Amino acid sequence: MQIPEYSIKLHKLNCYLPDEATDEIYLKFNGKKLWPKNEAYVSMNEGSVAEVKLATTLLKGASIVVEVWEKDTLSADDKLGRFILEADKIGGPYQSDMIKEDNGKSKYSLEWEVC
């Protein structure tokens, strides 16, 4: 019996509290930059909502980890946190809060669904 594949669609990234006055945000998956596709980053501050509009395919029961990074010009980029998205059942849209990587103050959430 073959395990079914599900599509995970990433819709929006919400900034509730930036790490700095304005964060220069990008998302990574499996060590590679995933979003934004045609820019280095997206500037986000408190209350910002960015359209992500990406999709990937996963086997039922699998999960992916999407990382949130903040671009720095004069030093190494900062990994602010990560989202864990599970393709366990069809539904959504869901909203997942960022799991922080350090003691920073930033708070982000990601809206997504499983199809």
PDB file of N, CA and C in Angstrom:
ATOM      1  N   MET A   1       0.843  -1.194   0.000  1.00  0.00           N
ATOM      2  CA  MET A   1       0.000   0.000   0.000  1.00  0.00           C
ATOM      3  C   MET A   1       0.880   1.247   0.000  1.00  0.00           C
ATOM      4  N   GLN A   2       0.567   2.162  -0.878  1.00  0.00           N
ATOM      5  CA  GLN A   2       1.355   3.384  -1.015  1.00  0.00           C
ATOM      6  C   GLN A   2       0.851   4.459  -0.052  1.00  0.00           C
ATOM      7  N   ILE A   3       1.793   5.159   0.577  1.00  0.00           N
ATOM      8  CA  ILE A   3       1.444   6.257   1.491  1.00  0.00           C
ATOM      9  C   ILE A   3       1.045   7.467   0.648  1.00  0.00           C
ATOM     10  N   PRO A   4      -0.119   8.068   0.928  1.00  0.00           N
ATOM     11  CA  PRO A   4      -0.551   9.224   0.123  1.00  0.00           C
ATOM     12  C   PRO A   4       0.340  10.446   0.342  1.00  0.00           C
ATOM     13  N   GLU A   5       0.386  11.281  -0.702  1.00  0.00           N
ATOM     14  CA  GLU A   5       1.114  12.543  -0.609  1.00  0.00           C
ATOM     15  C   GLU A   5       0.132  13.671  -0.353  1.00  0.00           C
ATOM     16  N   TYR A   6       0.552  14.606   0.483  1.00  0.00           N
ATOM     17  CA  TYR A   6      -0.224  15.798   0.755  1.00  0.00           C
ATOM     18  C   TYR A   6       0.569  17.021   0.290  1.00  0.00           C
ATOM     19  N   SER A   7      -0.145  18.051  -0.039  1.00  0.00           N
ATOM     20  CA  SER A   7       0.478  19.321  -0.392  1.00  0.00           C
ATOM     21  C   SER A   7       0.373  20.255   0.813  1.00  0.00           C
ATOM     22  N   ILE A   8       1.495  20.848   1.209  1.00  0.00           N
ATOM     23  CA  ILE A   8       1.488  21.866   2.263  1.00  0.00           C
ATOM     24  C   ILE A   8       1.643  23.217   1.587  1.00  0.00           C
ATOM     25  N   LYS A   9       0.685  24.092   1.822  1.00  0.00           N
ATOM     26  CA  LYS A   9       0.712  25.433   1.240  1.00  0.00           C
ATOM     27  C   LYS A   9       0.998  26.449   2.335  1.00  0.00           C
ATOM     28  N   LEU A  10       2.023  27.255   2.129  1.00  0.00           N
ATOM     29  CA  LEU A  10       2.366  28.329   3.061  1.00  0.00           C
ATOM     30  C   LEU A  10       1.700  29.601   2.547  1.00  0.00           C
ATOM     31  N   HIS A  11       0.908  30.239   3.401  1.00  0.00           N
ATOM     32  CA  HIS A  11       0.139  31.405   2.970  1.00  0.00           C
ATOM     33  C   HIS A  11       0.745  32.737   3.407  1.00  0.00           C
ATOM     34  N   LYS A  12       0.822  32.962   4.712  1.00  0.00           N
ATOM     35  CA  LYS A  12       1.224  34.282   5.221  1.00  0.00           C
ATOM     36  C   LYS A  12       2.167  34.145   6.401  1.00  0.00           C
ATOM     37  N   LEU A  13       3.068  35.110   6.510  1.00  0.00           N
ATOM     38  CA  LEU A  13       3.947  35.245   7.667  1.00  0.00           C
ATOM     39  C   LEU A  13       3.527  36.503   8.406  1.00  0.00           C
ATOM     40  N   ASN A  14       3.236  36.368   9.702  1.00  0.00           N
ATOM     41  CA  ASN A  14       2.788  37.490  10.525  1.00  0.00           C
ATOM     42  C   ASN A  14       3.873  37.874  11.521  1.00  0.00           C
ATOM     43  N   CYS A  15       4.133  39.167  11.643  1.00  0.00           N
ATOM     44  CA  CYS A  15       5.089  39.671  12.630  1.00  0.00           C
ATOM     45  C   CYS A  15       4.312  40.336  13.763  1.00  0.00           C
ATOM     46  N   TYR A  16       4.408  39.739  14.950  1.00  0.00           N
ATOM     47  CA  TYR A  16       3.774  40.328  16.118  1.00  0.00           C
ATOM     48  C   TYR A  16       4.744  41.215  16.881  1.00  0.00           C
ATOM     49  N   LEU A  17       6.023  40.829  16.862  1.00  0.00           N
ATOM     50  CA  LEU A  17       7.055  41.591  17.542  1.00  0.00           C
ATOM     51  C   LEU A  17       8.391  41.322  16.850  1.00  0.00           C
ATOM     52  N   PRO A  18       8.984  42.341  16.215  1.00  0.00           N
ATOM     53  CA  PRO A  18      10.265  42.125  15.541  1.00  0.00           C
ATOM     54  C   PRO A  18      11.407  42.021  16.549  1.00  0.00           C
ATOM     55  N   ASP A  19      12.512  41.427  16.116  1.00  0.00           N
ATOM     56  CA  ASP A  19      13.699  41.328  16.962  1.00  0.00           C
ATOM     57  C   ASP A  19      14.378  42.695  17.077  1.00  0.00           C
ATOM     58  N   GLU A  20      14.319  43.463  15.994  1.00  0.00           N
ATOM     59  CA  GLU A  20      14.845  44.832  15.954  1.00  0.00           C
ATOM     60  C   GLU A  20      13.690  45.745  15.561  1.00  0.00           C
ATOM     61  N   ALA A  21      13.949  47.031  15.348  1.00  0.00           N
ATOM     62  CA  ALA A  21      12.868  47.936  14.948  1.00  0.00           C
ATOM     63  C   ALA A  21      12.210  47.440  13.663  1.00  0.00           C
ATOM     64  N   THR A  22      13.038  47.014  12.722  1.00  0.00           N
ATOM     65  CA  THR A  22      12.579  46.383  11.486  1.00  0.00           C
ATOM     66  C   THR A  22      13.462  45.175  11.237  1.00  0.00           C
ATOM     67  N   ASP A  23      12.847  44.023  11.012  1.00  0.00           N
ATOM     68  CA  ASP A  23      13.593  42.808  10.688  1.00  0.00           C
ATOM     69  C   ASP A  23      13.633  42.623   9.180  1.00  0.00           C
ATOM     70  N   GLU A  24      14.752  42.146   8.679  1.00  0.00           N
ATOM     71  CA  GLU A  24      14.898  41.778   7.272  1.00  0.00           C
ATOM     72  C   GLU A  24      14.806  40.254   7.231  1.00  0.00           C
ATOM     73  N   ILE A  25      13.617  39.736   6.950  1.00  0.00           N
ATOM     74  CA  ILE A  25      13.287  38.323   7.138  1.00  0.00           C
ATOM     75  C   ILE A  25      13.365  37.530   5.840  1.00  0.00           C
ATOM     76  N   TYR A  26      13.868  36.287   5.989  1.00  0.00           N
ATOM     77  CA  TYR A  26      13.736  35.292   4.930  1.00  0.00           C
ATOM     78  C   TYR A  26      13.533  33.932   5.584  1.00  0.00           C
ATOM     79  N   LEU A  27      12.977  32.993   4.817  1.00  0.00           N
ATOM     80  CA  LEU A  27      12.688  31.655   5.311  1.00  0.00           C
ATOM     81  C   LEU A  27      13.601  30.642   4.630  1.00  0.00           C
ATOM     82  N   LYS A  28      14.007  29.610   5.394  1.00  0.00           N
ATOM     83  CA  LYS A  28      14.846  28.541   4.866  1.00  0.00           C
ATOM     84  C   LYS A  28      14.204  27.187   5.140  1.00  0.00           C
ATOM     85  N   PHE A  29      14.497  26.246   4.243  1.00  0.00           N
ATOM     86  CA  PHE A  29      14.054  24.866   4.393  1.00  0.00           C
ATOM     87  C   PHE A  29      15.196  23.975   3.927  1.00  0.00           C
ATOM     88  N   ASN A  30      15.580  23.004   4.754  1.00  0.00           N
ATOM     89  CA  ASN A  30      16.703  22.110   4.440  1.00  0.00           C
ATOM     90  C   ASN A  30      17.980  22.875   4.107  1.00  0.00           C
ATOM     91  N   GLY A  31      18.224  23.964   4.836  1.00  0.00           N
ATOM     92  CA  GLY A  31      19.452  24.725   4.671  1.00  0.00           C
ATOM     93  C   GLY A  31      19.475  25.659   3.480  1.00  0.00           C
ATOM     94  N   LYS A  32      18.411  25.717   2.699  1.00  0.00           N
ATOM     95  CA  LYS A  32      18.365  26.591   1.526  1.00  0.00           C
ATOM     96  C   LYS A  32      17.281  27.644   1.688  1.00  0.00           C
ATOM     97  N   LYS A  33      17.583  28.834   1.185  1.00  0.00           N
ATOM     98  CA  LYS A  33      16.600  29.918   1.229  1.00  0.00           C
ATOM     99  C   LYS A  33      15.389  29.525   0.400  1.00  0.00           C
ATOM    100  N   LEU A  34      14.228  29.664   1.014  1.00  0.00           N
ATOM    101  CA  LEU A  34      12.966  29.259   0.409  1.00  0.00           C
ATOM    102  C   LEU A  34      12.152  30.467  -0.061  1.00  0.00           C
ATOM    103  N   TRP A  35      12.197  31.529   0.742  1.00  0.00           N
ATOM    104  CA  TRP A  35      11.365  32.713   0.493  1.00  0.00           C
ATOM    105  C   TRP A  35      12.018  33.931   1.117  1.00  0.00           C
ATOM    106  N   PRO A  36      11.907  35.110   0.510  1.00  0.00           N
ATOM    107  CA  PRO A  36      11.267  35.429  -0.761  1.00  0.00           C
ATOM    108  C   PRO A  36      12.124  34.956  -1.937  1.00  0.00           C
ATOM    109  N   LYS A  37      11.480  34.658  -3.033  1.00  0.00           N
ATOM    110  CA  LYS A  37      12.181  34.070  -4.174  1.00  0.00           C
ATOM    111  C   LYS A  37      13.042  35.074  -4.934  1.00  0.00           C
ATOM    112  N   ASN A  38      12.550  36.278  -5.160  1.00  0.00           N
ATOM    113  CA  ASN A  38      13.248  37.230  -6.035  1.00  0.00           C
ATOM    114  C   ASN A  38      13.885  38.401  -5.289  1.00  0.00           C
ATOM    115  N   GLU A  39      13.940  38.307  -3.978  1.00  0.00           N
ATOM    116  CA  GLU A  39      14.545  39.357  -3.163  1.00  0.00           C
ATOM    117  C   GLU A  39      15.413  38.707  -2.095  1.00  0.00           C
ATOM    118  N   ALA A  40      16.314  39.477  -1.510  1.00  0.00           N
ATOM    119  CA  ALA A  40      17.182  38.943  -0.447  1.00  0.00           C
ATOM    120  C   ALA A  40      16.394  38.716   0.841  1.00  0.00           C
ATOM    121  N   TYR A  41      15.412  39.582   1.092  1.00  0.00           N
ATOM    122  CA  TYR A  41      14.616  39.514   2.325  1.00  0.00           C
ATOM    123  C   TYR A  41      13.361  40.362   2.167  1.00  0.00           C
ATOM    124  N   VAL A  42      12.491  40.283   3.156  1.00  0.00           N
ATOM    125  CA  VAL A  42      11.305  41.135   3.245  1.00  0.00           C
ATOM    126  C   VAL A  42      11.402  41.887   4.557  1.00  0.00           C
ATOM    127  N   SER A  43      11.255  43.204   4.507  1.00  0.00           N
ATOM    128  CA  SER A  43      11.289  44.018   5.724  1.00  0.00           C
ATOM    129  C   SER A  43       9.965  43.862   6.466  1.00  0.00           C
ATOM    130  N   MET A  44      10.071  43.547   7.764  1.00  0.00           N
ATOM    131  CA  MET A  44       8.871  43.371   8.571  1.00  0.00           C
ATOM    132  C   MET A  44       9.040  44.093   9.899  1.00  0.00           C
ATOM    133  N   ASN A  45       7.961  44.725  10.335  1.00  0.00           N
ATOM    134  CA  ASN A  45       7.934  45.321  11.667  1.00  0.00           C
ATOM    135  C   ASN A  45       6.623  44.943  12.334  1.00  0.00           C
ATOM    136  N   GLU A  46       6.422  45.414  13.526  1.00  0.00           N
ATOM    137  CA  GLU A  46       5.250  45.009  14.312  1.00  0.00           C
ATOM    138  C   GLU A  46       3.966  45.193  13.525  1.00  0.00           C
ATOM    139  N   GLY A  47       3.181  44.136  13.409  1.00  0.00           N
ATOM    140  CA  GLY A  47       1.912  44.185  12.692  1.00  0.00           C
ATOM    141  C   GLY A  47       2.001  43.863  11.214  1.00  0.00           C
ATOM    142  N   SER A  48       3.209  43.659  10.682  1.00  0.00           N
ATOM    143  CA  SER A  48       3.371  43.341   9.259  1.00  0.00           C
ATOM    144  C   SER A  48       2.851  41.949   8.945  1.00  0.00           C
ATOM    145  N   VAL A  49       2.282  41.826   7.742  1.00  0.00           N
ATOM    146  CA  VAL A  49       1.857  40.528   7.221  1.00  0.00           C
ATOM    147  C   VAL A  49       2.435  40.411   5.814  1.00  0.00           C
ATOM    148  N   ALA A  50       3.146  39.321   5.550  1.00  0.00           N
ATOM    149  CA  ALA A  50       3.749  39.114   4.234  1.00  0.00           C
ATOM    150  C   ALA A  50       3.126  37.886   3.575  1.00  0.00           C
ATOM    151  N   GLU A  51       2.775  38.017   2.306  1.00  0.00           N
ATOM    152  CA  GLU A  51       2.249  36.898   1.525  1.00  0.00           C
ATOM    153  C   GLU A  51       3.406  35.980   1.157  1.00  0.00           C
ATOM    154  N   VAL A  52       3.333  34.709   1.516  1.00  0.00           N
ATOM    155  CA  VAL A  52       4.400  33.757   1.209  1.00  0.00           C
ATOM    156  C   VAL A  52       4.076  32.996  -0.077  1.00  0.00           C
ATOM    157  N   LYS A  53       2.899  32.403  -0.160  1.00  0.00           N
ATOM    158  CA  LYS A  53       2.396  31.716  -1.349  1.00  0.00           C
ATOM    159  C   LYS A  53       3.378  30.696  -1.921  1.00  0.00           C
ATOM    160  N   LEU A  54       3.689  29.675  -1.139  1.00  0.00           N
ATOM    161  CA  LEU A  54       4.541  28.566  -1.571  1.00  0.00           C
ATOM    162  C   LEU A  54       3.843  27.259  -1.269  1.00  0.00           C
ATOM    163  N   ALA A  55       4.221  26.212  -1.995  1.00  0.00           N
ATOM    164  CA  ALA A  55       3.669  24.884  -1.727  1.00  0.00           C
ATOM    165  C   ALA A  55       4.757  23.839  -1.899  1.00  0.00           C
ATOM    166  N   THR A  56       4.656  22.766  -1.131  1.00  0.00           N
ATOM    167  CA  THR A  56       5.551  21.626  -1.249  1.00  0.00           C
ATOM    168  C   THR A  56       4.740  20.361  -0.999  1.00  0.00           C
ATOM    169  N   THR A  57       5.253  19.234  -1.447  1.00  0.00           N
ATOM    170  CA  THR A  57       4.566  17.963  -1.295  1.00  0.00           C
ATOM    171  C   THR A  57       5.271  17.116  -0.249  1.00  0.00           C
ATOM    172  N   LEU A  58       4.481  16.484   0.628  1.00  0.00           N
ATOM    173  CA  LEU A  58       5.013  15.608   1.671  1.00  0.00           C
ATOM    174  C   LEU A  58       4.192  14.336   1.740  1.00  0.00           C
ATOM    175  N   LEU A  59       4.820  13.270   2.187  1.00  0.00           N
ATOM    176  CA  LEU A  59       4.081  12.048   2.460  1.00  0.00           C
ATOM    177  C   LEU A  59       3.238  12.246   3.709  1.00  0.00           C
ATOM    178  N   LYS A  60       2.076  11.613   3.737  1.00  0.00           N
ATOM    179  CA  LYS A  60       1.205  11.694   4.909  1.00  0.00           C
ATOM    180  C   LYS A  60       1.992  11.266   6.150  1.00  0.00           C
ATOM    181  N   GLY A  61       1.898  12.077   7.216  1.00  0.00           N
ATOM    182  CA  GLY A  61       2.600  11.796   8.463  1.00  0.00           C
ATOM    183  C   GLY A  61       3.964  12.442   8.568  1.00  0.00           C
ATOM    184  N   ALA A  62       4.476  12.974   7.458  1.00  0.00           N
ATOM    185  CA  ALA A  62       5.787  13.621   7.480  1.00  0.00           C
ATOM    186  C   ALA A  62       5.655  15.057   7.992  1.00  0.00           C
ATOM    187  N   SER A  63       6.777  15.641   8.371  1.00  0.00           N
ATOM    188  CA  SER A  63       6.777  17.038   8.805  1.00  0.00           C
ATOM    189  C   SER A  63       7.964  17.757   8.175  1.00  0.00           C
ATOM    190  N   ILE A  64       7.854  19.070   8.105  1.00  0.00           N
ATOM    191  CA  ILE A  64       8.970  19.895   7.635  1.00  0.00           C
ATOM    192  C   ILE A  64       9.243  20.969   8.681  1.00  0.00           C
ATOM    193  N   VAL A  65      10.476  21.411   8.704  1.00  0.00           N
ATOM    194  CA  VAL A  65      10.886  22.496   9.592  1.00  0.00           C
ATOM    195  C   VAL A  65      11.267  23.682   8.707  1.00  0.00           C
ATOM    196  N   VAL A  66      10.545  24.778   8.850  1.00  0.00           N
ATOM    197  CA  VAL A  66      10.823  26.014   8.125  1.00  0.00           C
ATOM    198  C   VAL A  66      11.470  26.974   9.117  1.00  0.00           C
ATOM    199  N   GLU A  67      12.661  27.479   8.767  1.00  0.00           N
ATOM    200  CA  GLU A  67      13.402  28.369   9.670  1.00  0.00           C
ATOM    201  C   GLU A  67      13.179  29.833   9.304  1.00  0.00           C
ATOM    202  N   VAL A  68      13.156  30.684  10.322  1.00  0.00           N
ATOM    203  CA  VAL A  68      13.024  32.132  10.161  1.00  0.00           C
ATOM    204  C   VAL A  68      14.398  32.751  10.411  1.00  0.00           C
ATOM    205  N   TRP A  69      14.893  33.491   9.423  1.00  0.00           N
ATOM    206  CA  TRP A  69      16.210  34.129   9.521  1.00  0.00           C
ATOM    207  C   TRP A  69      16.077  35.632   9.360  1.00  0.00           C
ATOM    208  N   GLU A  70      16.975  36.356  10.019  1.00  0.00           N
ATOM    209  CA  GLU A  70      17.031  37.812   9.934  1.00  0.00           C
ATOM    210  C   GLU A  70      18.364  38.183   9.308  1.00  0.00           C
ATOM    211  N   LYS A  71      18.307  38.897   8.184  1.00  0.00           N
ATOM    212  CA  LYS A  71      19.498  39.292   7.428  1.00  0.00           C
ATOM    213  C   LYS A  71      20.240  40.397   8.176  1.00  0.00           C
ATOM    214  N   ASP A  72      21.541  40.201   8.359  1.00  0.00           N
ATOM    215  CA  ASP A  72      22.398  41.221   8.964  1.00  0.00           C
ATOM    216  C   ASP A  72      23.462  41.621   7.958  1.00  0.00           C
ATOM    217  N   THR A  73      23.732  42.904   7.864  1.00  0.00           N
ATOM    218  CA  THR A  73      24.705  43.408   6.907  1.00  0.00           C
ATOM    219  C   THR A  73      26.131  43.302   7.440  1.00  0.00           C
ATOM    220  N   LEU A  74      26.339  43.646   8.698  1.00  0.00           N
ATOM    221  CA  LEU A  74      27.693  43.730   9.245  1.00  0.00           C
ATOM    222  C   LEU A  74      28.131  42.488  10.021  1.00  0.00           C
ATOM    223  N   SER A  75      27.222  41.534  10.223  1.00  0.00           N
ATOM    224  CA  SER A  75      27.575  40.315  10.960  1.00  0.00           C
ATOM    225  C   SER A  75      26.821  39.137  10.348  1.00  0.00           C
ATOM    226  N   ALA A  76      27.013  37.959  10.907  1.00  0.00           N
ATOM    227  CA  ALA A  76      26.312  36.773  10.409  1.00  0.00           C
ATOM    228  C   ALA A  76      24.804  36.930  10.616  1.00  0.00           C
ATOM    229  N   ASP A  77      24.024  36.362   9.705  1.00  0.00           N
ATOM    230  CA  ASP A  77      22.566  36.403   9.822  1.00  0.00           C
ATOM    231  C   ASP A  77      22.133  35.675  11.096  1.00  0.00           C
ATOM    232  N   ASP A  78      20.997  36.106  11.649  1.00  0.00           N
ATOM    233  CA  ASP A  78      20.481  35.529  12.889  1.00  0.00           C
ATOM    234  C   ASP A  78      19.338  34.574  12.603  1.00  0.00           C
ATOM    235  N   LYS A  79      19.431  33.366  13.148  1.00  0.00           N
ATOM    236  CA  LYS A  79      18.323  32.416  13.084  1.00  0.00           C
ATOM    237  C   LYS A  79      17.402  32.741  14.248  1.00  0.00           C
ATOM    238  N   LEU A  80      16.216  33.277  13.929  1.00  0.00           N
ATOM    239  CA  LEU A  80      15.286  33.701  14.979  1.00  0.00           C
ATOM    240  C   LEU A  80      14.474  32.541  15.529  1.00  0.00           C
ATOM    241  N   GLY A  81      14.162  31.571  14.679  1.00  0.00           N
ATOM    242  CA  GLY A  81      13.344  30.469  15.149  1.00  0.00           C
ATOM    243  C   GLY A  81      12.949  29.552  14.021  1.00  0.00           C
ATOM    244  N   ARG A  82      11.935  28.701  14.316  1.00  0.00           N
ATOM    245  CA  ARG A  82      11.504  27.725  13.319  1.00  0.00           C
ATOM    246  C   ARG A  82      10.036  27.397  13.508  1.00  0.00           C
ATOM    247  N   PHE A  83       9.452  26.909  12.423  1.00  0.00           N
ATOM    248  CA  PHE A  83       8.080  26.405  12.425  1.00  0.00           C
ATOM    249  C   PHE A  83       8.141  24.924  12.088  1.00  0.00           C
ATOM    250  N   ILE A  84       7.351  24.104  12.768  1.00  0.00           N
ATOM    251  CA  ILE A  84       7.246  22.685  12.440  1.00  0.00           C
ATOM    252  C   ILE A  84       5.846  22.457  11.871  1.00  0.00           C
ATOM    253  N   LEU A  85       5.787  22.017  10.616  1.00  0.00           N
ATOM    254  CA  LEU A  85       4.529  21.813   9.920  1.00  0.00           C
ATOM    255  C   LEU A  85       4.361  20.327   9.645  1.00  0.00           C
ATOM    256  N   GLU A  86       3.240  19.764  10.055  1.00  0.00           N
ATOM    257  CA  GLU A  86       3.006  18.328   9.932  1.00  0.00           C
ATOM    258  C   GLU A  86       1.887  18.033   8.937  1.00  0.00           C
ATOM    259  N   ALA A  87       2.169  17.111   8.028  1.00  0.00           N
ATOM    260  CA  ALA A  87       1.183  16.678   7.038  1.00  0.00           C
ATOM    261  C   ALA A  87       0.464  15.445   7.558  1.00  0.00           C
ATOM    262  N   ASP A  88      -0.246  15.594   8.671  1.00  0.00           N
ATOM    263  CA  ASP A  88      -0.897  14.435   9.273  1.00  0.00           C
ATOM    264  C   ASP A  88      -2.356  14.277   8.849  1.00  0.00           C
ATOM    265  N   LYS A  89      -3.011  15.370   8.467  1.00  0.00           N
ATOM    266  CA  LYS A  89      -4.376  15.274   7.952  1.00  0.00           C
ATOM    267  C   LYS A  89      -4.688  16.504   7.113  1.00  0.00           C
ATOM    268  N   ILE A  90      -5.595  16.339   6.187  1.00  0.00           N
ATOM    269  CA  ILE A  90      -5.989  17.447   5.313  1.00  0.00           C
ATOM    270  C   ILE A  90      -6.816  18.436   6.121  1.00  0.00           C
ATOM    271  N   GLY A  91      -6.516  19.709   5.966  1.00  0.00           N
ATOM    272  CA  GLY A  91      -7.280  20.734   6.672  1.00  0.00           C
ATOM    273  C   GLY A  91      -6.541  22.044   6.744  1.00  0.00           C
ATOM    274  N   GLY A  92      -7.142  22.953   7.463  1.00  0.00           N
ATOM    275  CA  GLY A  92      -6.566  24.264   7.644  1.00  0.00           C
ATOM    276  C   GLY A  92      -7.502  25.325   7.087  1.00  0.00           C
ATOM    277  N   PRO A  93      -7.071  26.538   7.030  1.00  0.00           N
ATOM    278  CA  PRO A  93      -5.700  26.944   7.335  1.00  0.00           C
ATOM    279  C   PRO A  93      -5.396  26.887   8.830  1.00  0.00           C
ATOM    280  N   TYR A  94      -4.132  26.571   9.107  1.00  0.00           N
ATOM    281  CA  TYR A  94      -3.608  26.532  10.461  1.00  0.00           C
ATOM    282  C   TYR A  94      -2.706  27.740  10.682  1.00  0.00           C
ATOM    283  N   GLN A  95      -2.434  28.007  11.931  1.00  0.00           N
ATOM    284  CA  GLN A  95      -1.485  29.067  12.277  1.00  0.00           C
ATOM    285  C   GLN A  95      -0.532  28.492  13.311  1.00  0.00           C
ATOM    286  N   SER A  96       0.770  28.530  12.995  1.00  0.00           N
ATOM    287  CA  SER A  96       1.791  28.015  13.911  1.00  0.00           C
ATOM    288  C   SER A  96       2.674  29.155  14.382  1.00  0.00           C
ATOM    289  N   ASP A  97       2.937  29.181  15.680  1.00  0.00           N
ATOM    290  CA  ASP A  97       3.838  30.186  16.234  1.00  0.00           C
ATOM    291  C   ASP A  97       5.280  29.727  16.083  1.00  0.00           C
ATOM    292  N   MET A  98       6.167  30.696  15.928  1.00  0.00           N
ATOM    293  CA  MET A  98       7.589  30.419  15.810  1.00  0.00           C
ATOM    294  C   MET A  98       8.132  29.877  17.123  1.00  0.00           C
ATOM    295  N   ILE A  99       8.941  28.837  17.034  1.00  0.00           N
ATOM    296  CA  ILE A  99       9.660  28.314  18.194  1.00  0.00           C
ATOM    297  C   ILE A  99      11.000  29.030  18.221  1.00  0.00           C
ATOM    298  N   LYS A 100      11.251  29.814  19.258  1.00  0.00           N
ATOM    299  CA  LYS A 100      12.458  30.639  19.324  1.00  0.00           C
ATOM    300  C   LYS A 100      13.715  29.791  19.438  1.00  0.00           C
ATOM    301  N   GLU A 101      14.791  30.309  18.861  1.00  0.00           N
ATOM    302  CA  GLU A 101      16.089  29.646  18.917  1.00  0.00           C
ATOM    303  C   GLU A 101      16.969  30.211  20.034  1.00  0.00           C
ATOM    304  N   ASP A 102      16.645  31.416  20.497  1.00  0.00           N
ATOM    305  CA  ASP A 102      17.452  32.051  21.538  1.00  0.00           C
ATOM    306  C   ASP A 102      16.533  32.829  22.470  1.00  0.00           C
ATOM    307  N   ASN A 103      17.078  33.741  23.200  1.00  0.00           N
ATOM    308  CA  ASN A 103      16.279  34.547  24.133  1.00  0.00           C
ATOM    309  C   ASN A 103      15.795  35.849  23.526  1.00  0.00           C
ATOM    310  N   GLY A 104      15.810  35.946  22.185  1.00  0.00           N
ATOM    311  CA  GLY A 104      15.350  37.162  21.523  1.00  0.00           C
ATOM    312  C   GLY A 104      13.879  37.420  21.799  1.00  0.00           C
ATOM    313  N   LYS A 105      13.444  38.609  21.462  1.00  0.00           N
ATOM    314  CA  LYS A 105      12.069  39.006  21.780  1.00  0.00           C
ATOM    315  C   LYS A 105      11.098  38.784  20.628  1.00  0.00           C
ATOM    316  N   SER A 106      11.574  38.406  19.458  1.00  0.00           N
ATOM    317  CA  SER A 106      10.729  38.349  18.264  1.00  0.00           C
ATOM    318  C   SER A 106       9.623  37.301  18.379  1.00  0.00           C
ATOM    319  N   LYS A 107       8.484  37.620  17.735  1.00  0.00           N
ATOM    320  CA  LYS A 107       7.336  36.710  17.694  1.00  0.00           C
ATOM    321  C   LYS A 107       6.746  36.750  16.288  1.00  0.00           C
ATOM    322  N   TYR A 108       6.744  35.582  15.643  1.00  0.00           N
ATOM    323  CA  TYR A 108       6.182  35.433  14.297  1.00  0.00           C
ATOM    324  C   TYR A 108       5.239  34.242  14.278  1.00  0.00           C
ATOM    325  N   SER A 109       4.302  34.252  13.331  1.00  0.00           N
ATOM    326  CA  SER A 109       3.468  33.079  13.093  1.00  0.00           C
ATOM    327  C   SER A 109       3.352  32.872  11.584  1.00  0.00           C
ATOM    328  N   LEU A 110       3.063  31.624  11.217  1.00  0.00           N
ATOM    329  CA  LEU A 110       2.944  31.250   9.808  1.00  0.00           C
ATOM    330  C   LEU A 110       1.576  30.621   9.589  1.00  0.00           C
ATOM    331  N   GLU A 111       0.867  31.091   8.560  1.00  0.00           N
ATOM    332  CA  GLU A 111      -0.415  30.517   8.189  1.00  0.00           C
ATOM    333  C   GLU A 111      -0.193  29.533   7.055  1.00  0.00           C
ATOM    334  N   TRP A 112      -0.762  28.300   7.204  1.00  0.00           N
ATOM    335  CA  TRP A 112      -0.537  27.244   6.227  1.00  0.00           C
ATOM    336  C   TRP A 112      -1.701  26.272   6.222  1.00  0.00           C
ATOM    337  N   GLU A 113      -1.748  25.392   5.220  1.00  0.00           N
ATOM    338  CA  GLU A 113      -2.788  24.376   5.170  1.00  0.00           C
ATOM    339  C   GLU A 113      -2.260  23.116   4.500  1.00  0.00           C
ATOM    340  N   VAL A 114      -2.972  22.020   4.712  1.00  0.00           N
ATOM    341  CA  VAL A 114      -2.640  20.739   4.102  1.00  0.00           C
ATOM    342  C   VAL A 114      -3.780  20.375   3.140  1.00  0.00           C
ATOM    343  N   CYS A 115      -3.417  20.074   1.899  1.00  0.00           N
ATOM    344  CA  CYS A 115      -4.425  19.734   0.871  1.00  0.00           C
ATOM    345  C   CYS A 115      -4.183  18.331   0.344  1.00  0.00           C
TER     346      CYS A 115
END
